[in-house]
PDB file of N, CA and C in Angstrom:
ATOM      1  N   MET A   1     165.838 374.405 245.031  1.00  0.00           N
ATOM      2  CA  MET A   1     166.498 373.090 245.085  1.00  0.00           C
ATOM      3  C   MET A   1     167.360 373.009 246.345  1.00  0.00           C
ATOM      4  N   THR A   2     167.076 372.012 247.163  1.00  0.00           N
ATOM      5  CA  THR A   2     167.821 371.876 248.413  1.00  0.00           C
ATOM      6  C   THR A   2     168.992 370.932 248.231  1.00  0.00           C
ATOM      7  N   ASN A   3     169.889 370.906 249.210  1.00  0.00           N
ATOM      8  CA  ASN A   3     171.028 369.987 249.135  1.00  0.00           C
ATOM      9  C   ASN A   3     170.550 368.538 249.058  1.00  0.00           C
ATOM     10  N   ASP A   4     169.473 368.220 249.769  1.00  0.00           N
ATOM     11  CA  ASP A   4     168.942 366.848 249.745  1.00  0.00           C
ATOM     12  C   ASP A   4     168.525 366.484 248.323  1.00  0.00           C
ATOM     13  N   ASP A   5     167.858 367.396 247.643  1.00  0.00           N
ATOM     14  CA  ASP A   5     167.433 367.113 246.264  1.00  0.00           C
ATOM     15  C   ASP A   5     168.651 366.887 245.385  1.00  0.00           C
ATOM     16  N   PHE A   6     169.667 367.706 245.571  1.00  0.00           N
ATOM     17  CA  PHE A   6     170.879 367.580 244.757  1.00  0.00           C
ATOM     18  C   PHE A   6     171.571 366.245 245.016  1.00  0.00           C
ATOM     19  N   GLU A   7     171.678 365.872 246.272  1.00  0.00           N
ATOM     20  CA  GLU A   7     172.371 364.614 246.613  1.00  0.00           C
ATOM     21  C   GLU A   7     171.559 363.399 246.187  1.00  0.00           C
ATOM     22  N   SER A   8     170.259 363.551 246.040  1.00  0.00           N
ATOM     23  CA  SER A   8     169.425 362.401 245.672  1.00  0.00           C
ATOM     24  C   SER A   8     169.483 362.145 244.170  1.00  0.00           C
ATOM     25  N   LYS A   9     169.977 363.130 243.405  1.00  0.00           N
ATOM     26  CA  LYS A   9     170.034 362.937 241.954  1.00  0.00           C
ATOM     27  C   LYS A   9     171.401 363.309 241.379  1.00  0.00           C
ATOM     28  N   PRO A  10     172.494 362.863 241.998  1.00  0.00           N
ATOM     29  CA  PRO A  10     173.827 363.230 241.496  1.00  0.00           C
ATOM     30  C   PRO A  10     174.105 362.593 240.146  1.00  0.00           C
ATOM     31  N   VAL A  11     173.619 361.374 239.967  1.00  0.00           N
ATOM     32  CA  VAL A  11     173.882 360.666 238.703  1.00  0.00           C
ATOM     33  C   VAL A  11     173.161 361.354 237.556  1.00  0.00           C
ATOM     34  N   GLN A  12     171.890 361.693 237.748  1.00  0.00           N
ATOM     35  CA  GLN A  12     171.126 362.354 236.692  1.00  0.00           C
ATOM     36  C   GLN A  12     171.786 363.674 236.313  1.00  0.00           C
ATOM     37  N   LEU A  13     172.222 364.436 237.320  1.00  0.00           N
ATOM     38  CA  LEU A  13     172.864 365.719 237.036  1.00  0.00           C
ATOM     39  C   LEU A  13     174.169 365.502 236.287  1.00  0.00           C
ATOM     40  N   ALA A  14     174.937 364.514 236.701  1.00  0.00           N
ATOM     41  CA  ALA A  14     176.218 364.236 236.052  1.00  0.00           C
ATOM     42  C   ALA A  14     175.983 363.826 234.609  1.00  0.00           C
ATOM     43  N   ILE A  15     174.993 362.978 234.369  1.00  0.00           N
ATOM     44  CA  ILE A  15     174.703 362.531 232.994  1.00  0.00           C
ATOM     45  C   ILE A  15     174.248 363.723 232.159  1.00  0.00           C
ATOM     46  N   SER A  16     173.402 364.555 232.735  1.00  0.00           N
ATOM     47  CA  SER A  16     172.909 365.718 231.988  1.00  0.00           C
ATOM     48  C   SER A  16     174.076 366.614 231.582  1.00  0.00           C
ATOM     49  N   ARG A  17     175.000 366.846 232.495  1.00  0.00           N
ATOM     50  CA  ARG A  17     176.151 367.705 232.198  1.00  0.00           C
ATOM     51  C   ARG A  17     177.024 367.041 231.145  1.00  0.00           C
ATOM     52  N   LYS A  18     177.233 365.727 231.252  1.00  0.00           N
ATOM     53  CA  LYS A  18     178.071 365.024 230.267  1.00  0.00           C
ATOM     54  C   LYS A  18     177.409 365.077 228.900  1.00  0.00           C
ATOM     55  N   ASP A  19     176.097 364.871 228.852  1.00  0.00           N
ATOM     56  CA  ASP A  19     175.375 364.916 227.575  1.00  0.00           C
ATOM     57  C   ASP A  19     175.528 366.306 226.951  1.00  0.00           C
ATOM     58  N   ALA A  20     175.389 367.334 227.759  1.00  0.00           N
ATOM     59  CA  ALA A  20     175.504 368.700 227.243  1.00  0.00           C
ATOM     60  C   ALA A  20     176.910 368.938 226.695  1.00  0.00           C
ATOM     61  N   GLN A  21     177.928 368.502 227.431  1.00  0.00           N
ATOM     62  CA  GLN A  21     179.307 368.696 226.976  1.00  0.00           C
ATOM     63  C   GLN A  21     179.564 367.880 225.712  1.00  0.00           C
ATOM     64  N   TRP A  22     179.029 366.663 225.661  1.00  0.00           N
ATOM     65  CA  TRP A  22     179.242 365.799 224.493  1.00  0.00           C
ATOM     66  C   TRP A  22     178.594 366.424 223.264  1.00  0.00           C
ATOM     67  N   MET A  23     177.372 366.927 223.429  1.00  0.00           N
ATOM     68  CA  MET A  23     176.679 367.556 222.302  1.00  0.00           C
ATOM     69  C   MET A  23     177.462 368.781 221.822  1.00  0.00           C
ATOM     70  N   LYS A  24     177.932 369.595 222.744  1.00  0.00           N
ATOM     71  CA  LYS A  24     178.703 370.784 222.365  1.00  0.00           C
ATOM     72  C   LYS A  24     179.989 370.370 221.657  1.00  0.00           C
ATOM     73  N   ALA A  25     180.653 369.361 222.165  1.00  0.00           N
ATOM     74  CA  ALA A  25     181.906 368.900 221.557  1.00  0.00           C
ATOM     75  C   ALA A  25     181.616 368.378 220.149  1.00  0.00           C
ATOM     76  N   SER A  26     180.534 367.633 219.994  1.00  0.00           N
ATOM     77  CA  SER A  26     180.191 367.083 218.679  1.00  0.00           C
ATOM     78  C   SER A  26     179.920 368.224 217.702  1.00  0.00           C
ATOM     79  N   LEU A  27     179.174 369.218 218.144  1.00  0.00           N
ATOM     80  CA  LEU A  27     178.855 370.353 217.258  1.00  0.00           C
ATOM     81  C   LEU A  27     180.144 371.079 216.885  1.00  0.00           C
ATOM     82  N   ASN A  28     181.028 371.275 217.849  1.00  0.00           N
ATOM     83  CA  ASN A  28     182.293 371.961 217.578  1.00  0.00           C
ATOM     84  C   ASN A  28     183.127 371.152 216.590  1.00  0.00           C
ATOM     85  N   ASP A  29     183.167 369.843 216.770  1.00  0.00           N
ATOM     86  CA  ASP A  29     183.946 368.990 215.860  1.00  0.00           C
ATOM     87  C   ASP A  29     183.379 369.087 214.448  1.00  0.00           C
ATOM     88  N   ASP A  30     182.064 369.027 214.325  1.00  0.00           N
ATOM     89  CA  ASP A  30     181.432 369.100 213.002  1.00  0.00           C
ATOM     90  C   ASP A  30     181.781 370.430 212.342  1.00  0.00           C
ATOM     91  N   GLU A  31     181.718 371.509 213.118  1.00  0.00           N
ATOM     92  CA  GLU A  31     182.010 372.827 212.550  1.00  0.00           C
ATOM     93  C   GLU A  31     183.462 372.888 212.081  1.00  0.00           C
ATOM     94  N   GLU A  32     184.362 372.332 212.882  1.00  0.00           N
ATOM     95  CA  GLU A  32     185.777 372.372 212.501  1.00  0.00           C
ATOM     96  C   GLU A  32     185.996 371.573 211.220  1.00  0.00           C
ATOM     97  N   GLU A  33     185.364 370.408 211.114  1.00  0.00           N
ATOM     98  CA  GLU A  33     185.525 369.576 209.927  1.00  0.00           C
ATOM     99  C   GLU A  33     184.977 370.308 208.698  1.00  0.00           C
ATOM    100  N   ASP A  34     183.830 370.972 208.867  1.00  0.00           N
ATOM    101  CA  ASP A  34     183.243 371.699 207.745  1.00  0.00           C
ATOM    102  C   ASP A  34     184.178 372.828 207.302  1.00  0.00           C
ATOM    103  N   ASP A  35     184.804 373.489 208.276  1.00  0.00           N
ATOM    104  CA  ASP A  35     185.705 374.600 207.938  1.00  0.00           C
ATOM    105  C   ASP A  35     186.882 374.078 207.117  1.00  0.00           C
ATOM    106  N   GLU A  36     187.353 372.885 207.446  1.00  0.00           N
ATOM    107  CA  GLU A  36     188.470 372.319 206.691  1.00  0.00           C
ATOM    108  C   GLU A  36     187.985 371.965 205.288  1.00  0.00           C
TER     109      GLU A  36
END
């Protein structure tokens, strides 16, 4: 992956990272609620 490829898809990468963080946060929240 070259810098040009990275700069041409910054939005897709940002969305992918946000989706991953959101999914992890949701799973963590569910686990915490279940523990309570």
